[in-house]
């Protein structure tokens, strides 16, 4: 029987107008300490995003989401945050903030394969 591990995840949201508190789920970030796993996946539905706000700068948004990927990878191009330990990077990425890109509260779960869990969550919560 496969070993079961605790994982944590948060949904990545685009909040075009923070005051209105409307958002669109665009990605998921998954952290599993036991598997040394920290990854994110995102997809932008440009038509839906434009329906929220015609002023939204998609290039800037893609850049911000790309920073999530670089930080998760833990390499030099992730900047100072990318150099932190894996748990600290996850906590930094999921910290409460009032910007266009936000994350949901962190949720726990159990998995046998964190990569498969990321795929499943992405399909359920974003696509």
C-alpha atoms as a PDB file:
ATOM      1  CA  UNK A   1       0.000   0.000   0.000  1.00  0.00           C
ATOM      2  CA  UNK A   2       1.377   3.461  -0.906  1.00  0.00           C
ATOM      3  CA  UNK A   3       2.452   5.733   1.903  1.00  0.00           C
ATOM      4  CA  UNK A   4       0.043   8.576   2.691  1.00  0.00           C
ATOM      5  CA  UNK A   5       1.424  12.082   3.260  1.00  0.00           C
ATOM      6  CA  UNK A   6       0.019  15.341   4.555  1.00  0.00           C
ATOM      7  CA  UNK A   7      -0.090  18.104   1.958  1.00  0.00           C
ATOM      8  CA  UNK A   8      -1.273  21.699   1.952  1.00  0.00           C
ATOM      9  CA  UNK A   9      -2.663  23.738  -0.893  1.00  0.00           C
ATOM     10  CA  UNK A  10      -4.069  27.128  -1.765  1.00  0.00           C
ATOM     11  CA  UNK A  11      -5.954  28.398  -4.778  1.00  0.00           C
ATOM     12  CA  UNK A  12      -4.354  31.298  -6.664  1.00  0.00           C
ATOM     13  CA  UNK A  13      -6.877  33.990  -7.490  1.00  0.00           C
ATOM     14  CA  UNK A  14      -6.924  37.077  -9.648  1.00  0.00           C
ATOM     15  CA  UNK A  15      -8.738  39.905  -7.907  1.00  0.00           C
ATOM     16  CA  UNK A  16      -9.003  42.723 -10.481  1.00  0.00           C
ATOM     17  CA  UNK A  17     -10.762  45.128  -8.100  1.00  0.00           C
ATOM     18  CA  UNK A  18      -9.847  44.404  -4.489  1.00  0.00           C
ATOM     19  CA  UNK A  19     -12.647  46.609  -3.182  1.00  0.00           C
ATOM     20  CA  UNK A  20     -15.334  44.476  -4.885  1.00  0.00           C
ATOM     21  CA  UNK A  21     -13.846  41.207  -3.564  1.00  0.00           C
ATOM     22  CA  UNK A  22     -14.631  39.408  -6.838  1.00  0.00           C
ATOM     23  CA  UNK A  23     -12.077  36.900  -8.008  1.00  0.00           C
ATOM     24  CA  UNK A  24     -11.329  34.251 -10.609  1.00  0.00           C
ATOM     25  CA  UNK A  25      -9.427  31.077  -9.735  1.00  0.00           C
ATOM     26  CA  UNK A  26      -6.405  30.855 -12.019  1.00  0.00           C
ATOM     27  CA  UNK A  27      -4.070  28.404 -10.302  1.00  0.00           C
ATOM     28  CA  UNK A  28      -3.175  26.117  -7.449  1.00  0.00           C
ATOM     29  CA  UNK A  29      -0.071  25.793  -5.287  1.00  0.00           C
ATOM     30  CA  UNK A  30       0.675  22.489  -3.502  1.00  0.00           C
ATOM     31  CA  UNK A  31       3.230  21.812  -0.769  1.00  0.00           C
ATOM     32  CA  UNK A  32       4.080  18.371   0.634  1.00  0.00           C
ATOM     33  CA  UNK A  33       6.933  18.399   3.144  1.00  0.00           C
ATOM     34  CA  UNK A  34       7.382  14.619   3.168  1.00  0.00           C
ATOM     35  CA  UNK A  35       7.867  14.528  -0.603  1.00  0.00           C
ATOM     36  CA  UNK A  36       9.890  17.757  -0.772  1.00  0.00           C
ATOM     37  CA  UNK A  37       7.260  19.028  -3.193  1.00  0.00           C
ATOM     38  CA  UNK A  38       6.328  22.635  -3.906  1.00  0.00           C
ATOM     39  CA  UNK A  39       4.755  23.414  -7.266  1.00  0.00           C
ATOM     40  CA  UNK A  40       2.176  25.639  -8.812  1.00  0.00           C
ATOM     41  CA  UNK A  41       0.122  25.444 -11.960  1.00  0.00           C
ATOM     42  CA  UNK A  42      -1.937  28.226 -13.512  1.00  0.00           C
ATOM     43  CA  UNK A  43      -3.992  28.981 -16.614  1.00  0.00           C
ATOM     44  CA  UNK A  44      -5.464  32.291 -17.683  1.00  0.00           C
ATOM     45  CA  UNK A  45      -8.829  32.489 -19.395  1.00  0.00           C
ATOM     46  CA  UNK A  46      -8.350  35.877 -21.024  1.00  0.00           C
ATOM     47  CA  UNK A  47     -12.008  36.303 -22.001  1.00  0.00           C
ATOM     48  CA  UNK A  48     -13.196  35.724 -18.429  1.00  0.00           C
ATOM     49  CA  UNK A  49     -10.517  38.014 -17.016  1.00  0.00           C
ATOM     50  CA  UNK A  50     -11.414  40.790 -19.465  1.00  0.00           C
ATOM     51  CA  UNK A  51     -15.064  40.426 -18.373  1.00  0.00           C
ATOM     52  CA  UNK A  52     -13.954  41.306 -14.834  1.00  0.00           C
ATOM     53  CA  UNK A  53     -11.833  44.267 -15.877  1.00  0.00           C
ATOM     54  CA  UNK A  54     -10.875  45.608 -19.285  1.00  0.00           C
ATOM     55  CA  UNK A  55      -8.024  47.500 -17.556  1.00  0.00           C
ATOM     56  CA  UNK A  56      -6.296  44.316 -16.367  1.00  0.00           C
ATOM     57  CA  UNK A  57      -2.721  44.100 -17.701  1.00  0.00           C
ATOM     58  CA  UNK A  58      -2.355  40.462 -18.768  1.00  0.00           C
ATOM     59  CA  UNK A  59       1.406  40.730 -19.349  1.00  0.00           C
ATOM     60  CA  UNK A  60       1.912  41.975 -15.791  1.00  0.00           C
ATOM     61  CA  UNK A  61      -0.375  39.231 -14.489  1.00  0.00           C
ATOM     62  CA  UNK A  62       1.597  36.554 -16.341  1.00  0.00           C
ATOM     63  CA  UNK A  63       4.780  38.005 -14.836  1.00  0.00           C
ATOM     64  CA  UNK A  64       3.387  37.817 -11.309  1.00  0.00           C
ATOM     65  CA  UNK A  65       2.251  34.222 -11.793  1.00  0.00           C
ATOM     66  CA  UNK A  66       5.618  33.367 -13.297  1.00  0.00           C
ATOM     67  CA  UNK A  67       7.216  34.618 -10.083  1.00  0.00           C
ATOM     68  CA  UNK A  68       5.184  31.987  -8.211  1.00  0.00           C
ATOM     69  CA  UNK A  69       6.741  29.303 -10.440  1.00  0.00           C
ATOM     70  CA  UNK A  70      10.273  30.639  -9.990  1.00  0.00           C
ATOM     71  CA  UNK A  71       9.900  30.853  -6.213  1.00  0.00           C
ATOM     72  CA  UNK A  72       8.489  27.313  -6.052  1.00  0.00           C
ATOM     73  CA  UNK A  73      11.472  26.037  -8.050  1.00  0.00           C
ATOM     74  CA  UNK A  74      13.803  27.455  -5.399  1.00  0.00           C
ATOM     75  CA  UNK A  75      16.466  28.662  -7.790  1.00  0.00           C
ATOM     76  CA  UNK A  76      18.399  31.929  -8.024  1.00  0.00           C
ATOM     77  CA  UNK A  77      15.919  33.449 -10.496  1.00  0.00           C
ATOM     78  CA  UNK A  78      13.328  33.226  -7.698  1.00  0.00           C
ATOM     79  CA  UNK A  79      15.132  36.086  -5.963  1.00  0.00           C
ATOM     80  CA  UNK A  80      15.706  36.200  -2.196  1.00  0.00           C
ATOM     81  CA  UNK A  81      12.409  34.402  -1.497  1.00  0.00           C
ATOM     82  CA  UNK A  82      13.383  31.604  -3.891  1.00  0.00           C
ATOM     83  CA  UNK A  83      16.447  30.937  -1.727  1.00  0.00           C
ATOM     84  CA  UNK A  84      14.413  30.237   1.413  1.00  0.00           C
ATOM     85  CA  UNK A  85      13.650  26.729   2.661  1.00  0.00           C
ATOM     86  CA  UNK A  86      10.710  25.040   0.942  1.00  0.00           C
ATOM     87  CA  UNK A  87       8.261  25.534   3.841  1.00  0.00           C
ATOM     88  CA  UNK A  88       9.165  29.220   4.124  1.00  0.00           C
ATOM     89  CA  UNK A  89       8.624  29.707   0.380  1.00  0.00           C
ATOM     90  CA  UNK A  90       5.159  28.141   0.631  1.00  0.00           C
ATOM     91  CA  UNK A  91       4.246  30.318   3.629  1.00  0.00           C
ATOM     92  CA  UNK A  92       5.486  33.437   1.839  1.00  0.00           C
ATOM     93  CA  UNK A  93       3.524  32.615  -1.322  1.00  0.00           C
ATOM     94  CA  UNK A  94       0.311  31.944   0.623  1.00  0.00           C
ATOM     95  CA  UNK A  95       0.573  34.921   2.992  1.00  0.00           C
ATOM     96  CA  UNK A  96      -2.456  37.204   3.048  1.00  0.00           C
ATOM     97  CA  UNK A  97      -2.067  40.181   0.744  1.00  0.00           C
ATOM     98  CA  UNK A  98      -4.247  42.807  -0.842  1.00  0.00           C
ATOM     99  CA  UNK A  99      -3.072  42.774  -4.456  1.00  0.00           C
ATOM    100  CA  UNK A 100      -4.372  41.631  -7.823  1.00  0.00           C
ATOM    101  CA  UNK A 101      -2.889  38.149  -7.266  1.00  0.00           C
ATOM    102  CA  UNK A 102      -3.973  36.544  -3.988  1.00  0.00           C
ATOM    103  CA  UNK A 103      -4.262  33.057  -2.554  1.00  0.00           C
ATOM    104  CA  UNK A 104      -7.111  31.399  -0.734  1.00  0.00           C
ATOM    105  CA  UNK A 105      -6.665  30.231   2.836  1.00  0.00           C
ATOM    106  CA  UNK A 106      -4.406  27.179   3.066  1.00  0.00           C
ATOM    107  CA  UNK A 107      -6.188  23.826   3.152  1.00  0.00           C
ATOM    108  CA  UNK A 108      -4.721  20.483   4.305  1.00  0.00           C
ATOM    109  CA  UNK A 109      -5.237  17.035   2.824  1.00  0.00           C
ATOM    110  CA  UNK A 110      -3.696  13.596   2.457  1.00  0.00           C
ATOM    111  CA  UNK A 111      -2.059  12.239  -0.685  1.00  0.00           C
ATOM    112  CA  UNK A 112       0.174   9.491  -1.970  1.00  0.00           C
ATOM    113  CA  UNK A 113       1.572  11.519  -4.878  1.00  0.00           C
ATOM    114  CA  UNK A 114       1.747  15.307  -4.594  1.00  0.00           C
ATOM    115  CA  UNK A 115       2.183  15.839  -8.359  1.00  0.00           C
ATOM    116  CA  UNK A 116      -1.010  13.904  -9.095  1.00  0.00           C
ATOM    117  CA  UNK A 117      -2.773  15.838  -6.348  1.00  0.00           C
ATOM    118  CA  UNK A 118      -1.718  19.111  -7.978  1.00  0.00           C
ATOM    119  CA  UNK A 119      -3.132  17.888 -11.305  1.00  0.00           C
ATOM    120  CA  UNK A 120      -6.429  16.871  -9.695  1.00  0.00           C
ATOM    121  CA  UNK A 121      -6.843  20.108  -7.732  1.00  0.00           C
ATOM    122  CA  UNK A 122      -6.020  22.185 -10.793  1.00  0.00           C
ATOM    123  CA  UNK A 123      -8.641  20.380 -12.846  1.00  0.00           C
ATOM    124  CA  UNK A 124     -11.299  20.640 -10.111  1.00  0.00           C
ATOM    125  CA  UNK A 125     -10.696  24.217  -8.944  1.00  0.00           C
ATOM    126  CA  UNK A 126      -9.398  26.083 -11.981  1.00  0.00           C
ATOM    127  CA  UNK A 127     -10.379  24.453 -15.271  1.00  0.00           C
END
